[in-house]
């Protein structure tokens, strides 16, 4: 799996704090 995975450094994230004030849209 480690040879095929998307490495941690490449993972896109959203911050929880920003999500608290956002909509599904």
PDBML (XML) file of the C-alpha atoms, coordinates in Angstrom:
<?xml version="1.0" encoding="UTF-8" ?>
<PDBx:datablock datablockName="MODEL"
   xmlns:PDBx="http://pdbml.pdb.org/schema/pdbx-v50.xsd"
   xmlns:xsi="http://www.w3.org/2001/XMLSchema-instance"
   xsi:schemaLocation="http://pdbml.pdb.org/schema/pdbx-v50.xsd pdbx-v50.xsd">
   <PDBx:atom_siteCategory>
      <PDBx:atom_site id="1">
         <PDBx:B_iso_or_equiv>0.00</PDBx:B_iso_or_equiv>
         <PDBx:Cartn_x>0.000</PDBx:Cartn_x>
         <PDBx:Cartn_y>0.000</PDBx:Cartn_y>
         <PDBx:Cartn_z>0.000</PDBx:Cartn_z>
         <PDBx:auth_asym_id>A</PDBx:auth_asym_id>
         <PDBx:auth_atom_id>CA</PDBx:auth_atom_id>
         <PDBx:auth_comp_id>UNK</PDBx:auth_comp_id>
         <PDBx:auth_seq_id>1</PDBx:auth_seq_id>
         <PDBx:group_PDB>ATOM</PDBx:group_PDB>
         <PDBx:label_alt_id xsi:nil="true" />
         <PDBx:label_asym_id>A</PDBx:label_asym_id>
         <PDBx:label_atom_id>CA</PDBx:label_atom_id>
         <PDBx:label_comp_id>UNK</PDBx:label_comp_id>
         <PDBx:label_entity_id>1</PDBx:label_entity_id>
         <PDBx:label_seq_id>1</PDBx:label_seq_id>
         <PDBx:occupancy>1.00</PDBx:occupancy>
         <PDBx:pdbx_PDB_model_num>1</PDBx:pdbx_PDB_model_num>
         <PDBx:type_symbol>C</PDBx:type_symbol>
      </PDBx:atom_site>
      <PDBx:atom_site id="2">
         <PDBx:B_iso_or_equiv>0.00</PDBx:B_iso_or_equiv>
         <PDBx:Cartn_x>2.838</PDBx:Cartn_x>
         <PDBx:Cartn_y>2.380</PDBx:Cartn_y>
         <PDBx:Cartn_z>0.882</PDBx:Cartn_z>
         <PDBx:auth_asym_id>A</PDBx:auth_asym_id>
         <PDBx:auth_atom_id>CA</PDBx:auth_atom_id>
         <PDBx:auth_comp_id>UNK</PDBx:auth_comp_id>
         <PDBx:auth_seq_id>2</PDBx:auth_seq_id>
         <PDBx:group_PDB>ATOM</PDBx:group_PDB>
         <PDBx:label_alt_id xsi:nil="true" />
         <PDBx:label_asym_id>A</PDBx:label_asym_id>
         <PDBx:label_atom_id>CA</PDBx:label_atom_id>
         <PDBx:label_comp_id>UNK</PDBx:label_comp_id>
         <PDBx:label_entity_id>1</PDBx:label_entity_id>
         <PDBx:label_seq_id>2</PDBx:label_seq_id>
         <PDBx:occupancy>1.00</PDBx:occupancy>
         <PDBx:pdbx_PDB_model_num>1</PDBx:pdbx_PDB_model_num>
         <PDBx:type_symbol>C</PDBx:type_symbol>
      </PDBx:atom_site>
      <PDBx:atom_site id="3">
         <PDBx:B_iso_or_equiv>0.00</PDBx:B_iso_or_equiv>
         <PDBx:Cartn_x>4.072</PDBx:Cartn_x>
         <PDBx:Cartn_y>2.239</PDBx:Cartn_y>
         <PDBx:Cartn_z>-2.729</PDBx:Cartn_z>
         <PDBx:auth_asym_id>A</PDBx:auth_asym_id>
         <PDBx:auth_atom_id>CA</PDBx:auth_atom_id>
         <PDBx:auth_comp_id>UNK</PDBx:auth_comp_id>
         <PDBx:auth_seq_id>3</PDBx:auth_seq_id>
         <PDBx:group_PDB>ATOM</PDBx:group_PDB>
         <PDBx:label_alt_id xsi:nil="true" />
         <PDBx:label_asym_id>A</PDBx:label_asym_id>
         <PDBx:label_atom_id>CA</PDBx:label_atom_id>
         <PDBx:label_comp_id>UNK</PDBx:label_comp_id>
         <PDBx:label_entity_id>1</PDBx:label_entity_id>
         <PDBx:label_seq_id>3</PDBx:label_seq_id>
         <PDBx:occupancy>1.00</PDBx:occupancy>
         <PDBx:pdbx_PDB_model_num>1</PDBx:pdbx_PDB_model_num>
         <PDBx:type_symbol>C</PDBx:type_symbol>
      </PDBx:atom_site>
      <PDBx:atom_site id="4">
         <PDBx:B_iso_or_equiv>0.00</PDBx:B_iso_or_equiv>
         <PDBx:Cartn_x>0.723</PDBx:Cartn_x>
         <PDBx:Cartn_y>3.336</PDBx:Cartn_y>
         <PDBx:Cartn_z>-4.174</PDBx:Cartn_z>
         <PDBx:auth_asym_id>A</PDBx:auth_asym_id>
         <PDBx:auth_atom_id>CA</PDBx:auth_atom_id>
         <PDBx:auth_comp_id>UNK</PDBx:auth_comp_id>
         <PDBx:auth_seq_id>4</PDBx:auth_seq_id>
         <PDBx:group_PDB>ATOM</PDBx:group_PDB>
         <PDBx:label_alt_id xsi:nil="true" />
         <PDBx:label_asym_id>A</PDBx:label_asym_id>
         <PDBx:label_atom_id>CA</PDBx:label_atom_id>
         <PDBx:label_comp_id>UNK</PDBx:label_comp_id>
         <PDBx:label_entity_id>1</PDBx:label_entity_id>
         <PDBx:label_seq_id>4</PDBx:label_seq_id>
         <PDBx:occupancy>1.00</PDBx:occupancy>
         <PDBx:pdbx_PDB_model_num>1</PDBx:pdbx_PDB_model_num>
         <PDBx:type_symbol>C</PDBx:type_symbol>
      </PDBx:atom_site>
      <PDBx:atom_site id="5">
         <PDBx:B_iso_or_equiv>0.00</PDBx:B_iso_or_equiv>
         <PDBx:Cartn_x>-0.706</PDBx:Cartn_x>
         <PDBx:Cartn_y>5.690</PDBx:Cartn_y>
         <PDBx:Cartn_z>-1.564</PDBx:Cartn_z>
         <PDBx:auth_asym_id>A</PDBx:auth_asym_id>
         <PDBx:auth_atom_id>CA</PDBx:auth_atom_id>
         <PDBx:auth_comp_id>UNK</PDBx:auth_comp_id>
         <PDBx:auth_seq_id>5</PDBx:auth_seq_id>
         <PDBx:group_PDB>ATOM</PDBx:group_PDB>
         <PDBx:label_alt_id xsi:nil="true" />
         <PDBx:label_asym_id>A</PDBx:label_asym_id>
         <PDBx:label_atom_id>CA</PDBx:label_atom_id>
         <PDBx:label_comp_id>UNK</PDBx:label_comp_id>
         <PDBx:label_entity_id>1</PDBx:label_entity_id>
         <PDBx:label_seq_id>5</PDBx:label_seq_id>
         <PDBx:occupancy>1.00</PDBx:occupancy>
         <PDBx:pdbx_PDB_model_num>1</PDBx:pdbx_PDB_model_num>
         <PDBx:type_symbol>C</PDBx:type_symbol>
      </PDBx:atom_site>
      <PDBx:atom_site id="6">
         <PDBx:B_iso_or_equiv>0.00</PDBx:B_iso_or_equiv>
         <PDBx:Cartn_x>-0.957</PDBx:Cartn_x>
         <PDBx:Cartn_y>9.461</PDBx:Cartn_y>
         <PDBx:Cartn_z>-1.704</PDBx:Cartn_z>
         <PDBx:auth_asym_id>A</PDBx:auth_asym_id>
         <PDBx:auth_atom_id>CA</PDBx:auth_atom_id>
         <PDBx:auth_comp_id>UNK</PDBx:auth_comp_id>
         <PDBx:auth_seq_id>6</PDBx:auth_seq_id>
         <PDBx:group_PDB>ATOM</PDBx:group_PDB>
         <PDBx:label_alt_id xsi:nil="true" />
         <PDBx:label_asym_id>A</PDBx:label_asym_id>
         <PDBx:label_atom_id>CA</PDBx:label_atom_id>
         <PDBx:label_comp_id>UNK</PDBx:label_comp_id>
         <PDBx:label_entity_id>1</PDBx:label_entity_id>
         <PDBx:label_seq_id>6</PDBx:label_seq_id>
         <PDBx:occupancy>1.00</PDBx:occupancy>
         <PDBx:pdbx_PDB_model_num>1</PDBx:pdbx_PDB_model_num>
         <PDBx:type_symbol>C</PDBx:type_symbol>
      </PDBx:atom_site>
      <PDBx:atom_site id="7">
         <PDBx:B_iso_or_equiv>0.00</PDBx:B_iso_or_equiv>
         <PDBx:Cartn_x>1.736</PDBx:Cartn_x>
         <PDBx:Cartn_y>10.595</PDBx:Cartn_y>
         <PDBx:Cartn_z>0.731</PDBx:Cartn_z>
         <PDBx:auth_asym_id>A</PDBx:auth_asym_id>
         <PDBx:auth_atom_id>CA</PDBx:auth_atom_id>
         <PDBx:auth_comp_id>UNK</PDBx:auth_comp_id>
         <PDBx:auth_seq_id>7</PDBx:auth_seq_id>
         <PDBx:group_PDB>ATOM</PDBx:group_PDB>
         <PDBx:label_alt_id xsi:nil="true" />
         <PDBx:label_asym_id>A</PDBx:label_asym_id>
         <PDBx:label_atom_id>CA</PDBx:label_atom_id>
         <PDBx:label_comp_id>UNK</PDBx:label_comp_id>
         <PDBx:label_entity_id>1</PDBx:label_entity_id>
         <PDBx:label_seq_id>7</PDBx:label_seq_id>
         <PDBx:occupancy>1.00</PDBx:occupancy>
         <PDBx:pdbx_PDB_model_num>1</PDBx:pdbx_PDB_model_num>
         <PDBx:type_symbol>C</PDBx:type_symbol>
      </PDBx:atom_site>
      <PDBx:atom_site id="8">
         <PDBx:B_iso_or_equiv>0.00</PDBx:B_iso_or_equiv>
         <PDBx:Cartn_x>0.769</PDBx:Cartn_x>
         <PDBx:Cartn_y>12.685</PDBx:Cartn_y>
         <PDBx:Cartn_z>3.742</PDBx:Cartn_z>
         <PDBx:auth_asym_id>A</PDBx:auth_asym_id>
         <PDBx:auth_atom_id>CA</PDBx:auth_atom_id>
         <PDBx:auth_comp_id>UNK</PDBx:auth_comp_id>
         <PDBx:auth_seq_id>8</PDBx:auth_seq_id>
         <PDBx:group_PDB>ATOM</PDBx:group_PDB>
         <PDBx:label_alt_id xsi:nil="true" />
         <PDBx:label_asym_id>A</PDBx:label_asym_id>
         <PDBx:label_atom_id>CA</PDBx:label_atom_id>
         <PDBx:label_comp_id>UNK</PDBx:label_comp_id>
         <PDBx:label_entity_id>1</PDBx:label_entity_id>
         <PDBx:label_seq_id>8</PDBx:label_seq_id>
         <PDBx:occupancy>1.00</PDBx:occupancy>
         <PDBx:pdbx_PDB_model_num>1</PDBx:pdbx_PDB_model_num>
         <PDBx:type_symbol>C</PDBx:type_symbol>
      </PDBx:atom_site>
      <PDBx:atom_site id="9">
         <PDBx:B_iso_or_equiv>0.00</PDBx:B_iso_or_equiv>
         <PDBx:Cartn_x>2.594</PDBx:Cartn_x>
         <PDBx:Cartn_y>15.771</PDBx:Cartn_y>
         <PDBx:Cartn_z>2.408</PDBx:Cartn_z>
         <PDBx:auth_asym_id>A</PDBx:auth_asym_id>
         <PDBx:auth_atom_id>CA</PDBx:auth_atom_id>
         <PDBx:auth_comp_id>UNK</PDBx:auth_comp_id>
         <PDBx:auth_seq_id>9</PDBx:auth_seq_id>
         <PDBx:group_PDB>ATOM</PDBx:group_PDB>
         <PDBx:label_alt_id xsi:nil="true" />
         <PDBx:label_asym_id>A</PDBx:label_asym_id>
         <PDBx:label_atom_id>CA</PDBx:label_atom_id>
         <PDBx:label_comp_id>UNK</PDBx:label_comp_id>
         <PDBx:label_entity_id>1</PDBx:label_entity_id>
         <PDBx:label_seq_id>9</PDBx:label_seq_id>
         <PDBx:occupancy>1.00</PDBx:occupancy>
         <PDBx:pdbx_PDB_model_num>1</PDBx:pdbx_PDB_model_num>
         <PDBx:type_symbol>C</PDBx:type_symbol>
      </PDBx:atom_site>
      <PDBx:atom_site id="10">
         <PDBx:B_iso_or_equiv>0.00</PDBx:B_iso_or_equiv>
         <PDBx:Cartn_x>0.335</PDBx:Cartn_x>
         <PDBx:Cartn_y>15.741</PDBx:Cartn_y>
         <PDBx:Cartn_z>-0.682</PDBx:Cartn_z>
         <PDBx:auth_asym_id>A</PDBx:auth_asym_id>
         <PDBx:auth_atom_id>CA</PDBx:auth_atom_id>
         <PDBx:auth_comp_id>UNK</PDBx:auth_comp_id>
         <PDBx:auth_seq_id>10</PDBx:auth_seq_id>
         <PDBx:group_PDB>ATOM</PDBx:group_PDB>
         <PDBx:label_alt_id xsi:nil="true" />
         <PDBx:label_asym_id>A</PDBx:label_asym_id>
         <PDBx:label_atom_id>CA</PDBx:label_atom_id>
         <PDBx:label_comp_id>UNK</PDBx:label_comp_id>
         <PDBx:label_entity_id>1</PDBx:label_entity_id>
         <PDBx:label_seq_id>10</PDBx:label_seq_id>
         <PDBx:occupancy>1.00</PDBx:occupancy>
         <PDBx:pdbx_PDB_model_num>1</PDBx:pdbx_PDB_model_num>
         <PDBx:type_symbol>C</PDBx:type_symbol>
      </PDBx:atom_site>
      <PDBx:atom_site id="11">
         <PDBx:B_iso_or_equiv>0.00</PDBx:B_iso_or_equiv>
         <PDBx:Cartn_x>-2.994</PDBx:Cartn_x>
         <PDBx:Cartn_y>15.370</PDBx:Cartn_y>
         <PDBx:Cartn_z>1.141</PDBx:Cartn_z>
         <PDBx:auth_asym_id>A</PDBx:auth_asym_id>
         <PDBx:auth_atom_id>CA</PDBx:auth_atom_id>
         <PDBx:auth_comp_id>UNK</PDBx:auth_comp_id>
         <PDBx:auth_seq_id>11</PDBx:auth_seq_id>
         <PDBx:group_PDB>ATOM</PDBx:group_PDB>
         <PDBx:label_alt_id xsi:nil="true" />
         <PDBx:label_asym_id>A</PDBx:label_asym_id>
         <PDBx:label_atom_id>CA</PDBx:label_atom_id>
         <PDBx:label_comp_id>UNK</PDBx:label_comp_id>
         <PDBx:label_entity_id>1</PDBx:label_entity_id>
         <PDBx:label_seq_id>11</PDBx:label_seq_id>
         <PDBx:occupancy>1.00</PDBx:occupancy>
         <PDBx:pdbx_PDB_model_num>1</PDBx:pdbx_PDB_model_num>
         <PDBx:type_symbol>C</PDBx:type_symbol>
      </PDBx:atom_site>
      <PDBx:atom_site id="12">
         <PDBx:B_iso_or_equiv>0.00</PDBx:B_iso_or_equiv>
         <PDBx:Cartn_x>-5.340</PDBx:Cartn_x>
         <PDBx:Cartn_y>18.346</PDBx:Cartn_y>
         <PDBx:Cartn_z>0.848</PDBx:Cartn_z>
         <PDBx:auth_asym_id>A</PDBx:auth_asym_id>
         <PDBx:auth_atom_id>CA</PDBx:auth_atom_id>
         <PDBx:auth_comp_id>UNK</PDBx:auth_comp_id>
         <PDBx:auth_seq_id>12</PDBx:auth_seq_id>
         <PDBx:group_PDB>ATOM</PDBx:group_PDB>
         <PDBx:label_alt_id xsi:nil="true" />
         <PDBx:label_asym_id>A</PDBx:label_asym_id>
         <PDBx:label_atom_id>CA</PDBx:label_atom_id>
         <PDBx:label_comp_id>UNK</PDBx:label_comp_id>
         <PDBx:label_entity_id>1</PDBx:label_entity_id>
         <PDBx:label_seq_id>12</PDBx:label_seq_id>
         <PDBx:occupancy>1.00</PDBx:occupancy>
         <PDBx:pdbx_PDB_model_num>1</PDBx:pdbx_PDB_model_num>
         <PDBx:type_symbol>C</PDBx:type_symbol>
      </PDBx:atom_site>
      <PDBx:atom_site id="13">
         <PDBx:B_iso_or_equiv>0.00</PDBx:B_iso_or_equiv>
         <PDBx:Cartn_x>-7.015</PDBx:Cartn_x>
         <PDBx:Cartn_y>19.430</PDBx:Cartn_y>
         <PDBx:Cartn_z>4.089</PDBx:Cartn_z>
         <PDBx:auth_asym_id>A</PDBx:auth_asym_id>
         <PDBx:auth_atom_id>CA</PDBx:auth_atom_id>
         <PDBx:auth_comp_id>UNK</PDBx:auth_comp_id>
         <PDBx:auth_seq_id>13</PDBx:auth_seq_id>
         <PDBx:group_PDB>ATOM</PDBx:group_PDB>
         <PDBx:label_alt_id xsi:nil="true" />
         <PDBx:label_asym_id>A</PDBx:label_asym_id>
         <PDBx:label_atom_id>CA</PDBx:label_atom_id>
         <PDBx:label_comp_id>UNK</PDBx:label_comp_id>
         <PDBx:label_entity_id>1</PDBx:label_entity_id>
         <PDBx:label_seq_id>13</PDBx:label_seq_id>
         <PDBx:occupancy>1.00</PDBx:occupancy>
         <PDBx:pdbx_PDB_model_num>1</PDBx:pdbx_PDB_model_num>
         <PDBx:type_symbol>C</PDBx:type_symbol>
      </PDBx:atom_site>
      <PDBx:atom_site id="14">
         <PDBx:B_iso_or_equiv>0.00</PDBx:B_iso_or_equiv>
         <PDBx:Cartn_x>-9.671</PDBx:Cartn_x>
         <PDBx:Cartn_y>21.785</PDBx:Cartn_y>
         <PDBx:Cartn_z>5.392</PDBx:Cartn_z>
         <PDBx:auth_asym_id>A</PDBx:auth_asym_id>
         <PDBx:auth_atom_id>CA</PDBx:auth_atom_id>
         <PDBx:auth_comp_id>UNK</PDBx:auth_comp_id>
         <PDBx:auth_seq_id>14</PDBx:auth_seq_id>
         <PDBx:group_PDB>ATOM</PDBx:group_PDB>
         <PDBx:label_alt_id xsi:nil="true" />
         <PDBx:label_asym_id>A</PDBx:label_asym_id>
         <PDBx:label_atom_id>CA</PDBx:label_atom_id>
         <PDBx:label_comp_id>UNK</PDBx:label_comp_id>
         <PDBx:label_entity_id>1</PDBx:label_entity_id>
         <PDBx:label_seq_id>14</PDBx:label_seq_id>
         <PDBx:occupancy>1.00</PDBx:occupancy>
         <PDBx:pdbx_PDB_model_num>1</PDBx:pdbx_PDB_model_num>
         <PDBx:type_symbol>C</PDBx:type_symbol>
      </PDBx:atom_site>
      <PDBx:atom_site id="15">
         <PDBx:B_iso_or_equiv>0.00</PDBx:B_iso_or_equiv>
         <PDBx:Cartn_x>-9.387</PDBx:Cartn_x>
         <PDBx:Cartn_y>23.349</PDBx:Cartn_y>
         <PDBx:Cartn_z>8.820</PDBx:Cartn_z>
         <PDBx:auth_asym_id>A</PDBx:auth_asym_id>
         <PDBx:auth_atom_id>CA</PDBx:auth_atom_id>
         <PDBx:auth_comp_id>UNK</PDBx:auth_comp_id>
         <PDBx:auth_seq_id>15</PDBx:auth_seq_id>
         <PDBx:group_PDB>ATOM</PDBx:group_PDB>
         <PDBx:label_alt_id xsi:nil="true" />
         <PDBx:label_asym_id>A</PDBx:label_asym_id>
         <PDBx:label_atom_id>CA</PDBx:label_atom_id>
         <PDBx:label_comp_id>UNK</PDBx:label_comp_id>
         <PDBx:label_entity_id>1</PDBx:label_entity_id>
         <PDBx:label_seq_id>15</PDBx:label_seq_id>
         <PDBx:occupancy>1.00</PDBx:occupancy>
         <PDBx:pdbx_PDB_model_num>1</PDBx:pdbx_PDB_model_num>
         <PDBx:type_symbol>C</PDBx:type_symbol>
      </PDBx:atom_site>
      <PDBx:atom_site id="16">
         <PDBx:B_iso_or_equiv>0.00</PDBx:B_iso_or_equiv>
         <PDBx:Cartn_x>-12.147</PDBx:Cartn_x>
         <PDBx:Cartn_y>22.460</PDBx:Cartn_y>
         <PDBx:Cartn_z>11.270</PDBx:Cartn_z>
         <PDBx:auth_asym_id>A</PDBx:auth_asym_id>
         <PDBx:auth_atom_id>CA</PDBx:auth_atom_id>
         <PDBx:auth_comp_id>UNK</PDBx:auth_comp_id>
         <PDBx:auth_seq_id>16</PDBx:auth_seq_id>
         <PDBx:group_PDB>ATOM</PDBx:group_PDB>
         <PDBx:label_alt_id xsi:nil="true" />
         <PDBx:label_asym_id>A</PDBx:label_asym_id>
         <PDBx:label_atom_id>CA</PDBx:label_atom_id>
         <PDBx:label_comp_id>UNK</PDBx:label_comp_id>
         <PDBx:label_entity_id>1</PDBx:label_entity_id>
         <PDBx:label_seq_id>16</PDBx:label_seq_id>
         <PDBx:occupancy>1.00</PDBx:occupancy>
         <PDBx:pdbx_PDB_model_num>1</PDBx:pdbx_PDB_model_num>
         <PDBx:type_symbol>C</PDBx:type_symbol>
      </PDBx:atom_site>
      <PDBx:atom_site id="17">
         <PDBx:B_iso_or_equiv>0.00</PDBx:B_iso_or_equiv>
         <PDBx:Cartn_x>-12.485</PDBx:Cartn_x>
         <PDBx:Cartn_y>26.094</PDBx:Cartn_y>
         <PDBx:Cartn_z>12.363</PDBx:Cartn_z>
         <PDBx:auth_asym_id>A</PDBx:auth_asym_id>
         <PDBx:auth_atom_id>CA</PDBx:auth_atom_id>
         <PDBx:auth_comp_id>UNK</PDBx:auth_comp_id>
         <PDBx:auth_seq_id>17</PDBx:auth_seq_id>
         <PDBx:group_PDB>ATOM</PDBx:group_PDB>
         <PDBx:label_alt_id xsi:nil="true" />
         <PDBx:label_asym_id>A</PDBx:label_asym_id>
         <PDBx:label_atom_id>CA</PDBx:label_atom_id>
         <PDBx:label_comp_id>UNK</PDBx:label_comp_id>
         <PDBx:label_entity_id>1</PDBx:label_entity_id>
         <PDBx:label_seq_id>17</PDBx:label_seq_id>
         <PDBx:occupancy>1.00</PDBx:occupancy>
         <PDBx:pdbx_PDB_model_num>1</PDBx:pdbx_PDB_model_num>
         <PDBx:type_symbol>C</PDBx:type_symbol>
      </PDBx:atom_site>
      <PDBx:atom_site id="18">
         <PDBx:B_iso_or_equiv>0.00</PDBx:B_iso_or_equiv>
         <PDBx:Cartn_x>-13.190</PDBx:Cartn_x>
         <PDBx:Cartn_y>27.216</PDBx:Cartn_y>
         <PDBx:Cartn_z>8.787</PDBx:Cartn_z>
         <PDBx:auth_asym_id>A</PDBx:auth_asym_id>
         <PDBx:auth_atom_id>CA</PDBx:auth_atom_id>
         <PDBx:auth_comp_id>UNK</PDBx:auth_comp_id>
         <PDBx:auth_seq_id>18</PDBx:auth_seq_id>
         <PDBx:group_PDB>ATOM</PDBx:group_PDB>
         <PDBx:label_alt_id xsi:nil="true" />
         <PDBx:label_asym_id>A</PDBx:label_asym_id>
         <PDBx:label_atom_id>CA</PDBx:label_atom_id>
         <PDBx:label_comp_id>UNK</PDBx:label_comp_id>
         <PDBx:label_entity_id>1</PDBx:label_entity_id>
         <PDBx:label_seq_id>18</PDBx:label_seq_id>
         <PDBx:occupancy>1.00</PDBx:occupancy>
         <PDBx:pdbx_PDB_model_num>1</PDBx:pdbx_PDB_model_num>
         <PDBx:type_symbol>C</PDBx:type_symbol>
      </PDBx:atom_site>
      <PDBx:atom_site id="19">
         <PDBx:B_iso_or_equiv>0.00</PDBx:B_iso_or_equiv>
         <PDBx:Cartn_x>-15.630</PDBx:Cartn_x>
         <PDBx:Cartn_y>24.341</PDBx:Cartn_y>
         <PDBx:Cartn_z>8.299</PDBx:Cartn_z>
         <PDBx:auth_asym_id>A</PDBx:auth_asym_id>
         <PDBx:auth_atom_id>CA</PDBx:auth_atom_id>
         <PDBx:auth_comp_id>UNK</PDBx:auth_comp_id>
         <PDBx:auth_seq_id>19</PDBx:auth_seq_id>
         <PDBx:group_PDB>ATOM</PDBx:group_PDB>
         <PDBx:label_alt_id xsi:nil="true" />
         <PDBx:label_asym_id>A</PDBx:label_asym_id>
         <PDBx:label_atom_id>CA</PDBx:label_atom_id>
         <PDBx:label_comp_id>UNK</PDBx:label_comp_id>
         <PDBx:label_entity_id>1</PDBx:label_entity_id>
         <PDBx:label_seq_id>19</PDBx:label_seq_id>
         <PDBx:occupancy>1.00</PDBx:occupancy>
         <PDBx:pdbx_PDB_model_num>1</PDBx:pdbx_PDB_model_num>
         <PDBx:type_symbol>C</PDBx:type_symbol>
      </PDBx:atom_site>
      <PDBx:atom_site id="20">
         <PDBx:B_iso_or_equiv>0.00</PDBx:B_iso_or_equiv>
         <PDBx:Cartn_x>-17.682</PDBx:Cartn_x>
         <PDBx:Cartn_y>25.481</PDBx:Cartn_y>
         <PDBx:Cartn_z>11.295</PDBx:Cartn_z>
         <PDBx:auth_asym_id>A</PDBx:auth_asym_id>
         <PDBx:auth_atom_id>CA</PDBx:auth_atom_id>
         <PDBx:auth_comp_id>UNK</PDBx:auth_comp_id>
         <PDBx:auth_seq_id>20</PDBx:auth_seq_id>
         <PDBx:group_PDB>ATOM</PDBx:group_PDB>
         <PDBx:label_alt_id xsi:nil="true" />
         <PDBx:label_asym_id>A</PDBx:label_asym_id>
         <PDBx:label_atom_id>CA</PDBx:label_atom_id>
         <PDBx:label_comp_id>UNK</PDBx:label_comp_id>
         <PDBx:label_entity_id>1</PDBx:label_entity_id>
         <PDBx:label_seq_id>20</PDBx:label_seq_id>
         <PDBx:occupancy>1.00</PDBx:occupancy>
         <PDBx:pdbx_PDB_model_num>1</PDBx:pdbx_PDB_model_num>
         <PDBx:type_symbol>C</PDBx:type_symbol>
      </PDBx:atom_site>
      <PDBx:atom_site id="21">
         <PDBx:B_iso_or_equiv>0.00</PDBx:B_iso_or_equiv>
         <PDBx:Cartn_x>-18.664</PDBx:Cartn_x>
         <PDBx:Cartn_y>28.643</PDBx:Cartn_y>
         <PDBx:Cartn_z>9.400</PDBx:Cartn_z>
         <PDBx:auth_asym_id>A</PDBx:auth_asym_id>
         <PDBx:auth_atom_id>CA</PDBx:auth_atom_id>
         <PDBx:auth_comp_id>UNK</PDBx:auth_comp_id>
         <PDBx:auth_seq_id>21</PDBx:auth_seq_id>
         <PDBx:group_PDB>ATOM</PDBx:group_PDB>
         <PDBx:label_alt_id xsi:nil="true" />
         <PDBx:label_asym_id>A</PDBx:label_asym_id>
         <PDBx:label_atom_id>CA</PDBx:label_atom_id>
         <PDBx:label_comp_id>UNK</PDBx:label_comp_id>
         <PDBx:label_entity_id>1</PDBx:label_entity_id>
         <PDBx:label_seq_id>21</PDBx:label_seq_id>
         <PDBx:occupancy>1.00</PDBx:occupancy>
         <PDBx:pdbx_PDB_model_num>1</PDBx:pdbx_PDB_model_num>
         <PDBx:type_symbol>C</PDBx:type_symbol>
      </PDBx:atom_site>
      <PDBx:atom_site id="22">
         <PDBx:B_iso_or_equiv>0.00</PDBx:B_iso_or_equiv>
         <PDBx:Cartn_x>-19.133</PDBx:Cartn_x>
         <PDBx:Cartn_y>27.033</PDBx:Cartn_y>
         <PDBx:Cartn_z>5.959</PDBx:Cartn_z>
         <PDBx:auth_asym_id>A</PDBx:auth_asym_id>
         <PDBx:auth_atom_id>CA</PDBx:auth_atom_id>
         <PDBx:auth_comp_id>UNK</PDBx:auth_comp_id>
         <PDBx:auth_seq_id>22</PDBx:auth_seq_id>
         <PDBx:group_PDB>ATOM</PDBx:group_PDB>
         <PDBx:label_alt_id xsi:nil="true" />
         <PDBx:label_asym_id>A</PDBx:label_asym_id>
         <PDBx:label_atom_id>CA</PDBx:label_atom_id>
         <PDBx:label_comp_id>UNK</PDBx:label_comp_id>
         <PDBx:label_entity_id>1</PDBx:label_entity_id>
         <PDBx:label_seq_id>22</PDBx:label_seq_id>
         <PDBx:occupancy>1.00</PDBx:occupancy>
         <PDBx:pdbx_PDB_model_num>1</PDBx:pdbx_PDB_model_num>
         <PDBx:type_symbol>C</PDBx:type_symbol>
      </PDBx:atom_site>
      <PDBx:atom_site id="23">
         <PDBx:B_iso_or_equiv>0.00</PDBx:B_iso_or_equiv>
         <PDBx:Cartn_x>-22.042</PDBx:Cartn_x>
         <PDBx:Cartn_y>25.460</PDBx:Cartn_y>
         <PDBx:Cartn_z>4.097</PDBx:Cartn_z>
         <PDBx:auth_asym_id>A</PDBx:auth_asym_id>
         <PDBx:auth_atom_id>CA</PDBx:auth_atom_id>
         <PDBx:auth_comp_id>UNK</PDBx:auth_comp_id>
         <PDBx:auth_seq_id>23</PDBx:auth_seq_id>
         <PDBx:group_PDB>ATOM</PDBx:group_PDB>
         <PDBx:label_alt_id xsi:nil="true" />
         <PDBx:label_asym_id>A</PDBx:label_asym_id>
         <PDBx:label_atom_id>CA</PDBx:label_atom_id>
         <PDBx:label_comp_id>UNK</PDBx:label_comp_id>
         <PDBx:label_entity_id>1</PDBx:label_entity_id>
         <PDBx:label_seq_id>23</PDBx:label_seq_id>
         <PDBx:occupancy>1.00</PDBx:occupancy>
         <PDBx:pdbx_PDB_model_num>1</PDBx:pdbx_PDB_model_num>
         <PDBx:type_symbol>C</PDBx:type_symbol>
      </PDBx:atom_site>
      <PDBx:atom_site id="24">
         <PDBx:B_iso_or_equiv>0.00</PDBx:B_iso_or_equiv>
         <PDBx:Cartn_x>-22.161</PDBx:Cartn_x>
         <PDBx:Cartn_y>22.224</PDBx:Cartn_y>
         <PDBx:Cartn_z>2.118</PDBx:Cartn_z>
         <PDBx:auth_asym_id>A</PDBx:auth_asym_id>
         <PDBx:auth_atom_id>CA</PDBx:auth_atom_id>
         <PDBx:auth_comp_id>UNK</PDBx:auth_comp_id>
         <PDBx:auth_seq_id>24</PDBx:auth_seq_id>
         <PDBx:group_PDB>ATOM</PDBx:group_PDB>
         <PDBx:label_alt_id xsi:nil="true" />
         <PDBx:label_asym_id>A</PDBx:label_asym_id>
         <PDBx:label_atom_id>CA</PDBx:label_atom_id>
         <PDBx:label_comp_id>UNK</PDBx:label_comp_id>
         <PDBx:label_entity_id>1</PDBx:label_entity_id>
         <PDBx:label_seq_id>24</PDBx:label_seq_id>
         <PDBx:occupancy>1.00</PDBx:occupancy>
         <PDBx:pdbx_PDB_model_num>1</PDBx:pdbx_PDB_model_num>
         <PDBx:type_symbol>C</PDBx:type_symbol>
      </PDBx:atom_site>
      <PDBx:atom_site id="25">
         <PDBx:B_iso_or_equiv>0.00</PDBx:B_iso_or_equiv>
         <PDBx:Cartn_x>-22.154</PDBx:Cartn_x>
         <PDBx:Cartn_y>24.378</PDBx:Cartn_y>
         <PDBx:Cartn_z>-1.034</PDBx:Cartn_z>
         <PDBx:auth_asym_id>A</PDBx:auth_asym_id>
         <PDBx:auth_atom_id>CA</PDBx:auth_atom_id>
         <PDBx:auth_comp_id>UNK</PDBx:auth_comp_id>
         <PDBx:auth_seq_id>25</PDBx:auth_seq_id>
         <PDBx:group_PDB>ATOM</PDBx:group_PDB>
         <PDBx:label_alt_id xsi:nil="true" />
         <PDBx:label_asym_id>A</PDBx:label_asym_id>
         <PDBx:label_atom_id>CA</PDBx:label_atom_id>
         <PDBx:label_comp_id>UNK</PDBx:label_comp_id>
         <PDBx:label_entity_id>1</PDBx:label_entity_id>
         <PDBx:label_seq_id>25</PDBx:label_seq_id>
         <PDBx:occupancy>1.00</PDBx:occupancy>
         <PDBx:pdbx_PDB_model_num>1</PDBx:pdbx_PDB_model_num>
         <PDBx:type_symbol>C</PDBx:type_symbol>
      </PDBx:atom_site>
   </PDBx:atom_siteCategory>
</PDBx:datablock>
